[in-house]
Amino acid sequence: MAQSQSFPTSAHDPVDPDHHLWRNGHRWWIAFTVHLPGWQKERVRFSLGTADLDEARARRDQVLREYPQTRGCELSLRLDGRRGGMQARAGQGQAA
């Protein structure tokens, strides 16, 4: 089985090991955003074809390594694992 790649981060934003993954039924899927020429963005989503989380992580890491070179784009990744939407950010940005 392939080893999962570690992505750089700071001490303030720990990396979520399941970043860009979600389970849809019995399979793991990947979702990420790419920046294209001309200020365009595209959301990419597809099945990783496995029910095994470790295999999904390895496949995700391979996709994130190879996708920019093969498609001529730049990835836009959030690795910090914030999943709560507005509730997770409640209170941020408010004046004291």
N, C-alpha and C. Protein backbone atom coordinates (compact mmCIF):
# COMPACT_ATOMS: atom_id res chain seq x y z
N MET A 1 0.85 -1.18 0.00
CA MET A 1 0.00 0.00 0.00
C MET A 1 0.89 1.24 0.00
N ALA A 2 0.53 2.26 -0.73
CA ALA A 2 1.32 3.48 -0.83
C ALA A 2 1.27 4.28 0.45
N GLN A 3 2.38 4.96 0.74
CA GLN A 3 2.47 5.81 1.94
C GLN A 3 1.82 7.17 1.66
N SER A 4 1.13 7.71 2.64
CA SER A 4 0.49 9.00 2.50
C SER A 4 1.53 10.11 2.63
N GLN A 5 1.44 11.13 1.79
CA GLN A 5 2.38 12.24 1.79
C GLN A 5 1.97 13.27 2.83
N SER A 6 2.95 13.82 3.55
CA SER A 6 2.68 14.90 4.48
C SER A 6 2.78 16.23 3.75
N PHE A 7 1.87 17.13 4.05
CA PHE A 7 1.88 18.45 3.45
C PHE A 7 2.37 19.45 4.47
N PRO A 8 3.14 20.46 4.04
CA PRO A 8 3.67 21.45 4.99
C PRO A 8 2.55 22.24 5.65
N THR A 9 2.79 22.65 6.87
CA THR A 9 1.81 23.42 7.61
C THR A 9 2.53 24.23 8.68
N SER A 10 1.81 25.05 9.38
CA SER A 10 2.38 25.77 10.51
C SER A 10 1.85 25.15 11.80
N ALA A 11 2.44 25.53 12.91
CA ALA A 11 2.00 25.01 14.20
C ALA A 11 0.60 25.50 14.54
N HIS A 12 0.17 26.60 13.92
CA HIS A 12 -1.14 27.17 14.22
C HIS A 12 -2.28 26.46 13.50
N ASP A 13 -1.99 25.81 12.39
CA ASP A 13 -3.02 25.15 11.59
C ASP A 13 -2.65 23.69 11.37
N PRO A 14 -3.00 22.81 12.31
CA PRO A 14 -2.66 21.40 12.14
C PRO A 14 -3.35 20.82 10.91
N VAL A 15 -2.67 19.91 10.23
CA VAL A 15 -3.21 19.29 9.03
C VAL A 15 -4.23 18.22 9.40
N ASP A 16 -5.39 18.29 8.78
CA ASP A 16 -6.40 17.25 8.91
C ASP A 16 -5.96 16.09 8.02
N PRO A 17 -5.75 14.89 8.56
CA PRO A 17 -5.29 13.78 7.72
C PRO A 17 -6.28 13.40 6.62
N ASP A 18 -7.53 13.82 6.76
CA ASP A 18 -8.55 13.49 5.76
C ASP A 18 -8.94 14.70 4.92
N HIS A 19 -8.01 15.68 4.83
CA HIS A 19 -8.31 16.87 4.04
C HIS A 19 -8.66 16.48 2.61
N HIS A 20 -9.67 17.15 2.07
CA HIS A 20 -10.16 16.97 0.70
C HIS A 20 -10.79 15.61 0.42
N LEU A 21 -11.11 14.87 1.48
CA LEU A 21 -11.77 13.58 1.32
C LEU A 21 -13.16 13.63 1.95
N TRP A 22 -14.09 12.90 1.34
CA TRP A 22 -15.37 12.66 2.00
C TRP A 22 -15.89 11.32 1.53
N ARG A 23 -16.67 10.70 2.40
CA ARG A 23 -17.24 9.39 2.10
C ARG A 23 -18.64 9.58 1.54
N ASN A 24 -18.85 9.01 0.38
CA ASN A 24 -20.15 9.07 -0.27
C ASN A 24 -20.61 7.62 -0.46
N GLY A 25 -21.50 7.18 0.38
CA GLY A 25 -21.89 5.77 0.36
C GLY A 25 -20.74 4.93 0.90
N HIS A 26 -20.26 3.98 0.10
CA HIS A 26 -19.17 3.11 0.53
C HIS A 26 -17.83 3.52 -0.03
N ARG A 27 -17.77 4.56 -0.80
CA ARG A 27 -16.53 4.98 -1.46
C ARG A 27 -16.05 6.34 -0.97
N TRP A 28 -14.74 6.53 -1.01
CA TRP A 28 -14.13 7.82 -0.69
C TRP A 28 -14.00 8.64 -1.95
N TRP A 29 -14.28 9.93 -1.83
CA TRP A 29 -14.20 10.89 -2.93
C TRP A 29 -13.22 11.97 -2.57
N ILE A 30 -12.70 12.66 -3.58
CA ILE A 30 -11.80 13.78 -3.41
C ILE A 30 -12.47 15.03 -3.98
N ALA A 31 -12.21 16.17 -3.36
CA ALA A 31 -12.71 17.46 -3.86
C ALA A 31 -11.64 18.50 -3.61
N PHE A 32 -11.33 19.30 -4.62
CA PHE A 32 -10.37 20.38 -4.48
C PHE A 32 -10.63 21.42 -5.56
N THR A 33 -10.01 22.58 -5.40
CA THR A 33 -10.17 23.67 -6.34
C THR A 33 -8.87 23.90 -7.06
N VAL A 34 -8.95 24.19 -8.37
CA VAL A 34 -7.76 24.54 -9.15
C VAL A 34 -7.94 25.93 -9.73
N HIS A 35 -6.82 26.62 -9.88
CA HIS A 35 -6.80 27.93 -10.53
C HIS A 35 -6.30 27.75 -11.95
N LEU A 36 -7.06 28.26 -12.89
CA LEU A 36 -6.75 28.14 -14.31
C LEU A 36 -6.31 29.50 -14.85
N PRO A 37 -5.73 29.51 -16.04
CA PRO A 37 -5.34 30.80 -16.64
C PRO A 37 -6.57 31.71 -16.81
N GLY A 38 -6.32 33.02 -16.77
CA GLY A 38 -7.42 33.97 -16.97
C GLY A 38 -8.30 34.15 -15.75
N TRP A 39 -7.76 33.95 -14.55
CA TRP A 39 -8.50 34.16 -13.31
C TRP A 39 -9.70 33.23 -13.16
N GLN A 40 -9.65 32.10 -13.82
CA GLN A 40 -10.74 31.12 -13.69
C GLN A 40 -10.41 30.11 -12.60
N LYS A 41 -11.47 29.61 -11.95
CA LYS A 41 -11.33 28.55 -10.96
C LYS A 41 -12.26 27.41 -11.35
N GLU A 42 -11.89 26.22 -10.93
CA GLU A 42 -12.72 25.05 -11.20
C GLU A 42 -12.69 24.14 -9.97
N ARG A 43 -13.86 23.66 -9.58
CA ARG A 43 -13.97 22.71 -8.48
C ARG A 43 -13.91 21.32 -9.09
N VAL A 44 -12.99 20.49 -8.60
CA VAL A 44 -12.79 19.14 -9.11
C VAL A 44 -13.27 18.15 -8.05
N ARG A 45 -14.10 17.20 -8.46
CA ARG A 45 -14.63 16.17 -7.55
C ARG A 45 -14.71 14.86 -8.30
N PHE A 46 -14.20 13.79 -7.70
CA PHE A 46 -14.38 12.47 -8.29
C PHE A 46 -14.11 11.37 -7.27
N SER A 47 -14.61 10.18 -7.57
CA SER A 47 -14.45 9.03 -6.69
C SER A 47 -13.02 8.52 -6.76
N LEU A 48 -12.50 8.14 -5.61
CA LEU A 48 -11.18 7.51 -5.56
C LEU A 48 -11.29 6.00 -5.70
N GLY A 49 -12.50 5.49 -5.80
CA GLY A 49 -12.74 4.08 -6.11
C GLY A 49 -12.33 3.10 -5.03
N THR A 50 -12.35 3.54 -3.77
CA THR A 50 -11.99 2.64 -2.69
C THR A 50 -12.84 2.94 -1.46
N ALA A 51 -13.07 1.91 -0.67
CA ALA A 51 -13.77 2.06 0.60
C ALA A 51 -12.78 2.13 1.76
N ASP A 52 -11.50 1.87 1.48
CA ASP A 52 -10.45 1.86 2.50
C ASP A 52 -9.87 3.26 2.69
N LEU A 53 -9.92 3.78 3.91
CA LEU A 53 -9.47 5.14 4.18
C LEU A 53 -7.97 5.32 3.91
N ASP A 54 -7.15 4.36 4.32
CA ASP A 54 -5.71 4.49 4.07
C ASP A 54 -5.40 4.53 2.58
N GLU A 55 -6.07 3.69 1.82
CA GLU A 55 -5.88 3.70 0.36
C GLU A 55 -6.39 5.00 -0.24
N ALA A 56 -7.51 5.51 0.27
CA ALA A 56 -8.05 6.79 -0.21
C ALA A 56 -7.06 7.92 0.04
N ARG A 57 -6.44 7.94 1.22
CA ARG A 57 -5.44 8.97 1.51
C ARG A 57 -4.26 8.89 0.54
N ALA A 58 -3.79 7.67 0.27
CA ALA A 58 -2.67 7.50 -0.65
C ALA A 58 -3.05 7.94 -2.06
N ARG A 59 -4.25 7.57 -2.50
CA ARG A 59 -4.70 7.97 -3.84
C ARG A 59 -4.89 9.49 -3.92
N ARG A 60 -5.45 10.08 -2.84
CA ARG A 60 -5.60 11.53 -2.79
C ARG A 60 -4.26 12.22 -2.94
N ASP A 61 -3.26 11.75 -2.19
CA ASP A 61 -1.94 12.37 -2.24
C ASP A 61 -1.33 12.27 -3.64
N GLN A 62 -1.53 11.14 -4.30
CA GLN A 62 -1.03 10.98 -5.66
C GLN A 62 -1.75 11.94 -6.62
N VAL A 63 -3.06 12.05 -6.48
CA VAL A 63 -3.82 12.98 -7.33
C VAL A 63 -3.34 14.41 -7.12
N LEU A 64 -3.17 14.82 -5.86
CA LEU A 64 -2.77 16.20 -5.58
C LEU A 64 -1.34 16.48 -6.05
N ARG A 65 -0.49 15.46 -6.10
CA ARG A 65 0.87 15.62 -6.64
C ARG A 65 0.86 15.74 -8.16
N GLU A 66 0.05 14.91 -8.83
CA GLU A 66 0.12 14.79 -10.29
C GLU A 66 -0.84 15.70 -11.05
N TYR A 67 -1.95 16.08 -10.46
CA TYR A 67 -2.98 16.83 -11.17
C TYR A 67 -2.47 18.15 -11.76
N PRO A 68 -1.73 18.97 -11.01
CA PRO A 68 -1.28 20.25 -11.58
C PRO A 68 -0.39 20.09 -12.81
N GLN A 69 0.52 19.11 -12.79
CA GLN A 69 1.41 18.92 -13.93
C GLN A 69 0.66 18.42 -15.16
N THR A 70 -0.25 17.49 -14.96
CA THR A 70 -0.95 16.92 -16.10
C THR A 70 -2.02 17.85 -16.67
N ARG A 71 -2.57 18.74 -15.84
CA ARG A 71 -3.65 19.63 -16.29
C ARG A 71 -3.22 21.08 -16.50
N GLY A 72 -1.97 21.40 -16.15
CA GLY A 72 -1.50 22.77 -16.35
C GLY A 72 -2.24 23.79 -15.51
N CYS A 73 -2.39 23.50 -14.22
CA CYS A 73 -3.13 24.40 -13.34
C CYS A 73 -2.41 24.48 -12.00
N GLU A 74 -2.95 25.28 -11.10
CA GLU A 74 -2.41 25.45 -9.76
C GLU A 74 -3.48 25.05 -8.76
N LEU A 75 -3.08 24.26 -7.75
CA LEU A 75 -4.03 23.84 -6.72
C LEU A 75 -4.26 24.94 -5.70
N SER A 76 -5.46 24.96 -5.14
CA SER A 76 -5.79 25.82 -4.02
C SER A 76 -6.28 24.91 -2.91
N LEU A 77 -5.42 24.67 -1.91
CA LEU A 77 -5.72 23.68 -0.89
C LEU A 77 -5.88 24.29 0.49
N ARG A 78 -6.87 23.81 1.23
CA ARG A 78 -7.03 24.14 2.65
C ARG A 78 -6.77 22.84 3.40
N LEU A 79 -5.73 22.85 4.23
CA LEU A 79 -5.31 21.63 4.91
C LEU A 79 -5.63 21.62 6.40
N ASP A 80 -6.20 22.70 6.91
CA ASP A 80 -6.36 22.84 8.35
C ASP A 80 -7.55 22.10 8.94
N GLY A 81 -8.39 21.53 8.13
CA GLY A 81 -9.47 20.70 8.64
C GLY A 81 -10.65 21.43 9.23
N ARG A 82 -10.81 22.70 8.94
CA ARG A 82 -12.00 23.41 9.43
C ARG A 82 -13.21 22.87 8.72
N ARG A 83 -14.13 22.26 9.47
CA ARG A 83 -15.28 21.60 8.84
C ARG A 83 -16.61 22.16 9.31
N GLY A 84 -16.60 23.04 10.28
CA GLY A 84 -17.86 23.45 10.89
C GLY A 84 -18.59 24.57 10.19
N GLY A 85 -18.08 25.03 9.07
CA GLY A 85 -18.76 26.12 8.38
C GLY A 85 -18.82 27.35 9.23
N MET A 86 -19.93 28.03 9.21
CA MET A 86 -20.09 29.28 9.93
C MET A 86 -20.00 29.06 11.45
N GLN A 87 -20.44 27.93 11.95
CA GLN A 87 -20.38 27.70 13.39
C GLN A 87 -18.94 27.62 13.88
N ALA A 88 -18.05 27.02 13.09
CA ALA A 88 -16.65 26.92 13.47
C ALA A 88 -15.98 28.28 13.50
N ARG A 89 -16.48 29.21 12.70
CA ARG A 89 -15.89 30.54 12.61
C ARG A 89 -16.65 31.58 13.44
N ALA A 90 -17.65 31.14 14.19
CA ALA A 90 -18.44 32.09 14.98
C ALA A 90 -17.54 32.84 15.93
N GLY A 91 -17.70 34.14 15.95
CA GLY A 91 -16.91 34.97 16.84
C GLY A 91 -15.65 35.51 16.20
N GLN A 92 -15.21 34.98 15.06
CA GLN A 92 -14.02 35.48 14.40
C GLN A 92 -14.35 36.78 13.68
N GLY A 93 -13.41 37.71 13.71
CA GLY A 93 -13.58 38.96 13.00
C GLY A 93 -14.42 39.99 13.72
N GLN A 94 -14.82 39.72 14.93
CA GLN A 94 -15.61 40.69 15.67
C GLN A 94 -14.70 41.62 16.44
N ALA A 95 -15.05 42.89 16.50
CA ALA A 95 -14.26 43.86 17.26
C ALA A 95 -14.43 43.63 18.74
N ALA A 96 -13.34 43.87 19.48
CA ALA A 96 -13.39 43.67 20.94
C ALA A 96 -13.97 44.89 21.63
